[in-house]
Structures are given as C-alpha cells and as structure tokens.
Protein backbone atom coordinates (compact mmCIF):
# COMPACT_ATOMS: atom_id res chain seq x y z
CA MET A 1 0.00 0.00 0.00
CA PRO A 2 1.45 3.44 -0.91
CA VAL A 3 2.95 5.39 1.98
CA ARG A 4 2.82 9.17 1.93
CA ASP A 5 6.07 11.04 2.43
CA ARG A 6 4.87 13.53 5.04
CA GLY A 7 7.40 16.11 3.93
CA ARG A 8 5.65 16.45 0.59
CA PRO A 9 2.62 18.67 -0.07
CA ARG A 10 -0.87 17.36 -0.57
CA LEU A 11 -2.13 17.52 -4.15
CA LEU A 12 -5.64 18.64 -5.12
CA PHE A 13 -6.67 18.13 -8.76
CA VAL A 14 -9.43 20.21 -10.41
CA HIS A 15 -11.07 18.94 -13.61
CA GLY A 16 -12.21 20.67 -16.79
CA ILE A 17 -15.62 21.21 -18.40
CA SER A 18 -18.30 18.52 -18.44
CA VAL A 19 -16.27 15.91 -16.57
CA GLY A 20 -15.51 15.29 -12.88
CA ALA A 21 -12.95 13.99 -10.41
CA TRP A 22 -13.15 10.61 -12.19
CA ILE A 23 -10.98 11.90 -15.03
CA TRP A 24 -7.94 11.68 -12.73
CA ASP A 25 -8.77 8.22 -11.33
CA GLU A 26 -7.48 5.91 -14.03
CA HIS A 27 -3.85 7.02 -14.11
CA VAL A 28 -2.93 10.20 -12.29
CA LEU A 29 -4.13 9.74 -8.71
CA PRO A 30 -2.78 6.17 -8.32
CA TRP A 31 0.54 7.19 -9.86
CA PHE A 32 1.07 10.08 -7.45
CA ALA A 33 0.01 7.92 -4.52
CA GLU A 34 2.68 5.38 -5.50
CA ALA A 35 5.16 8.27 -5.70
CA GLY A 36 4.49 9.13 -2.06
CA PHE A 37 2.02 12.01 -2.44
CA GLU A 38 -1.38 12.35 -0.83
CA ALA A 39 -3.38 13.14 -3.97
CA CYS A 40 -7.11 13.74 -4.31
CA ALA A 41 -9.53 15.34 -6.75
CA LEU A 42 -12.81 17.18 -6.35
CA SER A 43 -15.88 17.21 -8.53
CA LEU A 44 -17.16 20.76 -8.88
CA ARG A 45 -20.87 21.21 -8.15
CA GLY A 46 -23.02 19.70 -10.87
CA HIS A 47 -20.20 17.44 -12.08
CA GLY A 48 -19.37 13.80 -11.53
CA ALA A 49 -20.86 12.49 -8.29
CA SER A 50 -21.12 15.95 -6.72
CA TRP A 51 -24.30 17.73 -5.71
CA GLY A 52 -25.91 20.47 -7.81
CA GLN A 53 -26.86 18.54 -10.94
CA ASP A 54 -30.23 20.28 -11.16
CA GLY A 55 -28.62 23.72 -11.14
CA ILE A 56 -25.76 23.01 -13.52
CA ALA A 57 -26.97 25.50 -16.14
CA GLU A 58 -26.76 28.40 -13.69
CA TRP A 59 -23.46 27.85 -11.86
CA ARG A 60 -20.78 30.48 -12.28
CA LEU A 61 -17.03 30.58 -11.95
CA ALA A 62 -17.44 32.04 -8.46
CA ASP A 63 -19.48 28.98 -7.45
CA TYR A 64 -16.79 26.60 -8.65
CA THR A 65 -14.20 28.72 -6.87
CA ALA A 66 -16.19 28.39 -3.63
CA ASP A 67 -16.13 24.59 -4.06
CA LEU A 68 -12.36 24.63 -4.41
CA ASP A 69 -11.99 26.90 -1.39
CA GLN A 70 -14.11 24.62 0.78
CA VAL A 71 -12.13 21.49 -0.14
CA ALA A 72 -8.76 23.25 0.14
CA ARG A 73 -9.63 24.46 3.65
CA SER A 74 -10.68 20.99 4.70
CA LEU A 75 -7.40 19.50 3.48
CA GLY A 76 -5.12 22.10 4.99
CA GLY A 77 -1.57 22.74 3.90
CA PRO A 78 0.95 22.59 2.53
CA LEU A 79 -1.15 22.18 -0.61
CA VAL A 80 -0.47 22.27 -4.34
CA VAL A 81 -3.56 22.81 -6.51
CA VAL A 82 -3.51 21.36 -10.04
CA GLY A 83 -6.02 22.67 -12.56
CA HIS A 84 -6.78 21.33 -16.03
CA SER A 85 -8.56 23.43 -18.69
CA LEU A 86 -11.57 25.04 -16.92
CA GLY A 87 -10.06 23.80 -13.66
CA GLY A 88 -7.06 26.01 -14.34
CA ALA A 89 -9.33 29.06 -14.46
CA VAL A 90 -10.94 27.96 -11.18
CA VAL A 91 -7.50 27.64 -9.57
CA GLN A 92 -6.41 31.06 -10.81
CA ASN A 93 -9.64 32.68 -9.63
CA TRP A 94 -9.26 31.04 -6.22
CA ILE A 95 -5.78 32.51 -5.84
CA ARG A 96 -7.01 35.91 -7.05
CA THR A 97 -9.70 35.87 -4.38
CA GLY A 98 -7.41 34.88 -1.52
CA GLY A 99 -6.40 31.23 -1.90
CA ARG A 100 -2.85 30.66 -0.66
CA PRO A 101 -1.50 27.28 -1.78
CA LEU A 102 2.15 26.33 -1.66
CA GLY A 103 2.08 25.97 -5.43
CA MET A 104 -0.12 26.12 -8.52
CA ALA A 105 0.10 23.77 -11.50
CA LEU A 106 -1.77 24.59 -14.72
CA LEU A 107 -2.21 21.75 -17.22
CA ALA A 108 -3.61 22.69 -20.65
CA SER A 109 -5.25 25.51 -18.74
CA VAL A 110 -7.35 28.45 -19.74
CA PRO A 111 -4.72 31.24 -19.92
CA PRO A 112 -4.78 34.19 -17.51
CA TRP A 113 -6.33 36.52 -20.10
CA GLY A 114 -9.06 34.07 -21.07
CA LEU A 115 -10.06 32.16 -24.17
CA ALA A 116 -11.14 34.98 -26.47
CA LEU A 117 -7.97 34.89 -28.60
CA SER A 118 -7.91 31.09 -28.78
CA ALA A 119 -11.60 31.04 -29.71
CA LEU A 120 -11.04 33.55 -32.51
CA ARG A 121 -8.16 31.54 -33.91
CA MET A 122 -10.15 28.32 -33.68
CA GLY A 123 -13.13 29.91 -35.43
CA LEU A 124 -10.93 30.97 -38.33
CA SER A 125 -8.78 27.85 -38.64
CA THR A 126 -11.12 25.00 -37.64
CA PRO A 127 -14.72 26.27 -37.71
CA ALA A 128 -16.20 22.78 -37.21
CA LEU A 129 -14.24 22.37 -33.98
CA PHE A 130 -15.26 25.86 -32.90
CA ARG A 131 -18.94 24.96 -33.34
CA ALA A 132 -18.41 21.75 -31.39
CA VAL A 133 -16.72 23.62 -28.54
CA LEU A 134 -19.55 26.16 -28.49
CA ALA A 135 -22.15 23.39 -28.31
CA MET A 136 -20.17 21.68 -25.55
CA SER A 137 -19.82 24.86 -23.49
CA LEU A 138 -23.55 25.56 -23.73
CA HIS A 139 -25.01 22.07 -23.47
CA GLY A 140 -22.24 19.67 -22.43
CA ALA A 141 -19.96 17.35 -24.38
CA ARG A 142 -22.81 15.12 -25.54
CA ALA A 143 -24.19 17.98 -27.65
CA ALA A 144 -21.07 18.05 -29.80
CA ASP A 145 -20.36 15.87 -32.83
CA PRO A 146 -18.42 12.88 -31.39
CA ALA A 147 -15.99 12.66 -34.30
CA ILE A 148 -15.11 16.35 -34.08
CA LEU A 149 -14.89 16.15 -30.30
CA ARG A 150 -12.53 13.19 -30.52
CA ALA A 151 -10.30 15.01 -32.97
CA GLY A 152 -10.32 18.12 -30.79
CA LEU A 153 -9.72 16.52 -27.40
CA PHE A 154 -7.48 13.54 -28.15
CA SER A 155 -4.46 12.58 -30.19
CA ASP A 156 -4.71 9.89 -32.84
CA ASP A 157 -3.09 7.47 -30.36
CA VAL A 158 -6.25 7.18 -28.24
CA ASP A 159 -8.22 4.07 -29.17
CA LYS A 160 -11.94 4.01 -29.88
CA SER A 161 -12.87 2.12 -26.71
CA SER A 162 -11.15 4.71 -24.51
CA PHE A 163 -13.02 7.49 -26.26
CA ARG A 164 -16.35 5.68 -25.90
CA ARG A 165 -15.76 5.29 -22.15
CA PHE A 166 -15.03 9.00 -21.94
CA VAL A 167 -18.18 10.03 -23.82
CA ALA A 168 -20.32 7.72 -21.67
CA ARG A 169 -19.29 9.63 -18.53
CA VAL A 170 -19.33 13.27 -19.62
CA GLY A 171 -22.16 15.48 -18.44
CA GLU A 172 -23.58 18.94 -18.93
CA GLU A 173 -21.85 22.25 -18.28
CA SER A 174 -22.99 25.65 -17.08
CA ARG A 175 -24.02 27.94 -19.91
CA LEU A 176 -22.79 30.91 -17.84
CA VAL A 177 -19.20 29.78 -17.30
CA GLY A 178 -18.18 29.76 -20.98
CA PRO A 179 -18.63 33.53 -21.41
CA GLU A 180 -16.79 34.13 -18.12
CA LEU A 181 -13.80 32.19 -19.43
CA GLN A 182 -13.35 34.65 -22.30
CA GLY A 183 -11.39 36.89 -19.92
CA TRP A 184 -13.76 39.60 -18.78
CA PRO A 185 -14.13 40.26 -15.96
CA PRO A 186 -10.57 39.11 -15.17
CA PHE A 187 -10.25 35.90 -13.18
CA ALA A 188 -6.46 35.57 -12.89
CA PRO A 189 -4.32 36.96 -10.08
CA LEU A 190 -1.71 39.56 -10.81
CA ALA A 191 1.52 37.75 -11.63
CA TRP A 192 3.25 38.73 -8.38
CA GLN A 193 0.29 37.46 -6.34
CA ALA A 194 0.72 33.92 -7.66
CA PRO A 195 2.55 31.20 -5.73
CA ARG A 196 5.28 29.03 -7.23
CA SER A 197 3.88 27.94 -10.57
CA PHE A 198 4.15 25.07 -13.03
CA VAL A 199 2.70 25.28 -16.55
CA LEU A 200 2.34 22.42 -19.06
CA GLY A 201 0.53 21.82 -22.32
CA GLY A 202 0.42 19.37 -25.20
CA ALA A 203 2.00 20.04 -28.57
CA ASP A 204 -1.10 18.53 -30.25
CA ASP A 205 -3.64 20.43 -28.13
CA ARG A 206 -6.20 22.06 -30.42
CA PHE A 207 -7.97 23.89 -27.59
CA ILE A 208 -5.03 25.55 -25.83
CA PRO A 209 -2.24 25.88 -28.43
CA ALA A 210 1.40 25.69 -27.42
CA ASP A 211 2.01 29.42 -27.90
CA GLU A 212 -0.73 30.19 -25.36
CA VAL A 213 0.96 27.80 -22.92
CA TRP A 214 4.24 29.64 -23.46
CA ARG A 215 2.58 32.98 -22.75
CA THR A 216 0.94 31.58 -19.62
CA GLY A 217 4.35 30.46 -18.39
CA ALA A 218 5.80 33.90 -19.15
CA TYR A 219 2.97 35.57 -17.22
CA TYR A 220 3.65 33.48 -14.13
CA GLY A 221 7.43 33.64 -14.45
CA CYS A 222 8.15 29.99 -15.21
CA ARG A 223 9.36 28.02 -18.20
CA PRO A 224 6.46 25.91 -19.50
CA HIS A 225 6.65 22.29 -20.59
CA ILE A 226 5.30 21.45 -24.05
CA VAL A 227 4.86 17.68 -24.35
CA PRO A 228 5.11 16.20 -27.87
CA ARG A 229 2.19 14.11 -29.18
CA LEU A 230 -0.04 15.07 -26.27
CA ALA A 231 -3.51 16.54 -26.81
CA HIS A 232 -5.94 18.38 -24.53
CA ALA A 233 -7.29 15.47 -22.46
CA LEU A 234 -3.73 14.69 -21.46
CA MET A 235 -4.55 12.55 -18.40
CA LEU A 236 -6.30 9.99 -20.65
CA GLU A 237 -3.66 9.84 -23.36
CA PRO A 238 -1.43 6.77 -23.80
CA ARG A 239 1.51 9.10 -23.03
CA TRP A 240 -0.06 10.52 -19.87
CA GLN A 241 3.16 9.84 -17.95
CA ASP A 242 4.96 12.39 -20.13
CA ALA A 243 2.79 15.01 -18.40
CA VAL A 244 2.98 13.77 -14.80
CA LEU A 245 6.74 13.15 -14.74
CA PRO A 246 7.66 16.86 -15.21
CA LEU A 247 4.99 17.77 -12.66
CA ARG A 248 6.47 15.28 -10.17
CA ASP A 249 9.97 16.67 -10.76
CA TRP A 250 8.73 20.21 -10.12
CA LEU A 251 6.93 19.15 -6.96
CA LEU A 252 10.18 17.73 -5.61
CA THR A 253 11.77 21.20 -5.87
CA LEU A 254 9.22 22.73 -3.47
CA PRO A 255 10.08 23.27 0.21
CA ARG A 256 9.45 20.24 2.37
CA GLY A 257 6.93 20.60 5.15
C-alpha cells in the first residue's frame, strides 16, 4: 500500500468542463500515490458524483471557486492545486480571491487573459471544432459531434474504446461559465500574487495551443513544458506519464513541510 512522504505537499486536482474527479482516477491519482504524495480530486458542483446537478446551467465561476476553497480548507496545507482546462481558471480565480497554496500547476489551462484569442483563432482555422466547442460549453460534451470532439480533445493514439468510455461519462456544463472564461471580468491573479507555478501543455492540443501555454508560463514567471504528441485530455492519453513526470519533478523542488 502506498505510503505518503509527510514532507511532501498534498495535491488537489481540479477537472475541466463537463467531466468530474473521475478523469484523474485511471492514471494520475494512483501514480502520485505510488510516488508518495497524498493526492485527491474534487468534482465541482453539478459534475461527476457531486451535488448540484439540477442547477448546472446556472453555476458560475465564483461557485466553482467556492467549491475549491471549501475542499482546500478541509485538506489544509501545505497544498499544491492542479487545474486542467476550466479547472485552471478555477484555480487562478481562487488565488485571485485569496487562496494561498504552496504551489499552482496549470495543465492545458485556460490562460490568464481568457479564451477569447484562442476562440477567434479556432473559429478561423477549424470552424467545425469551434462549433463543437460552443455546443459543448452551452449544453455539455454530448451535444457536440463525437468525431469532431474526438479530434479536438485527443491525439490519434487514443483508441476508440477509450473514447467511448469517456463520452459515456461526460455530463452537462454551465451555460454561464463559458462567457466568463473569455477573460472579462478578469479571473487571474496579478503575476506577483501567484505562488510558485508550473505550466504544461500538449503540442497537439487544439484547444489551448502551445504558444498560449508559453505565454501563460511567461505571465507566471516559469518556463512551461510542451509535451510532444499530447492533446488536450492529457490525463487519458497513452503518453499521460509524459505530463505527470515533469509535474512530479517540479513538486520535488518545493520546500518540504
């Protein structure tokens, strides 16, 4: 049975749109537990097995931030909060509004200035994917064309059965959060308010392109990691370890408790 190294921080993982804590279960949480970390994930209200399903259409970024704050307080510190995609915006907003973790890790995250630029580029370069993303942000992943969603979320290395399992578990998403993620009003902390930061993205990510990951790293004063042949749903990719290994190495540089 894995034994936690008590000198290491606790890890709290925050998921992206339309999914839940389950997205970390298959690979990431067991791997970090074996590495000696106490790692857990939360399902934001209306997601996964959490409460609030009936109100999912009306939840806002502030509501998700309150969920993160509640769980972070219950865990105590030292704590590193890891946000993926939408979860990255929740993490940034939590820090902006007073959250004080030991560290922040952003994986394929919404950048500090929001998604407006990425959305414009996607609309011009891949309009079918843009329409699928819009449908997903308004009505959940099941509203999007599965073939387009697969091409947008995953690399070609992900097999059909893995994608079918993913689609079977996705749910709805708040129709109010998508507009908030465009960047106004601002949800990110000022750069000097942020804790020690880690930024990573996939070279094949069609949602958060590599140049946006680079700019996010520059904003928070760290050198980002761009992982080859990794797409947006990086924790479900066959090469998922290529994402968690750099994160583990960064975690080992943090002060021991």
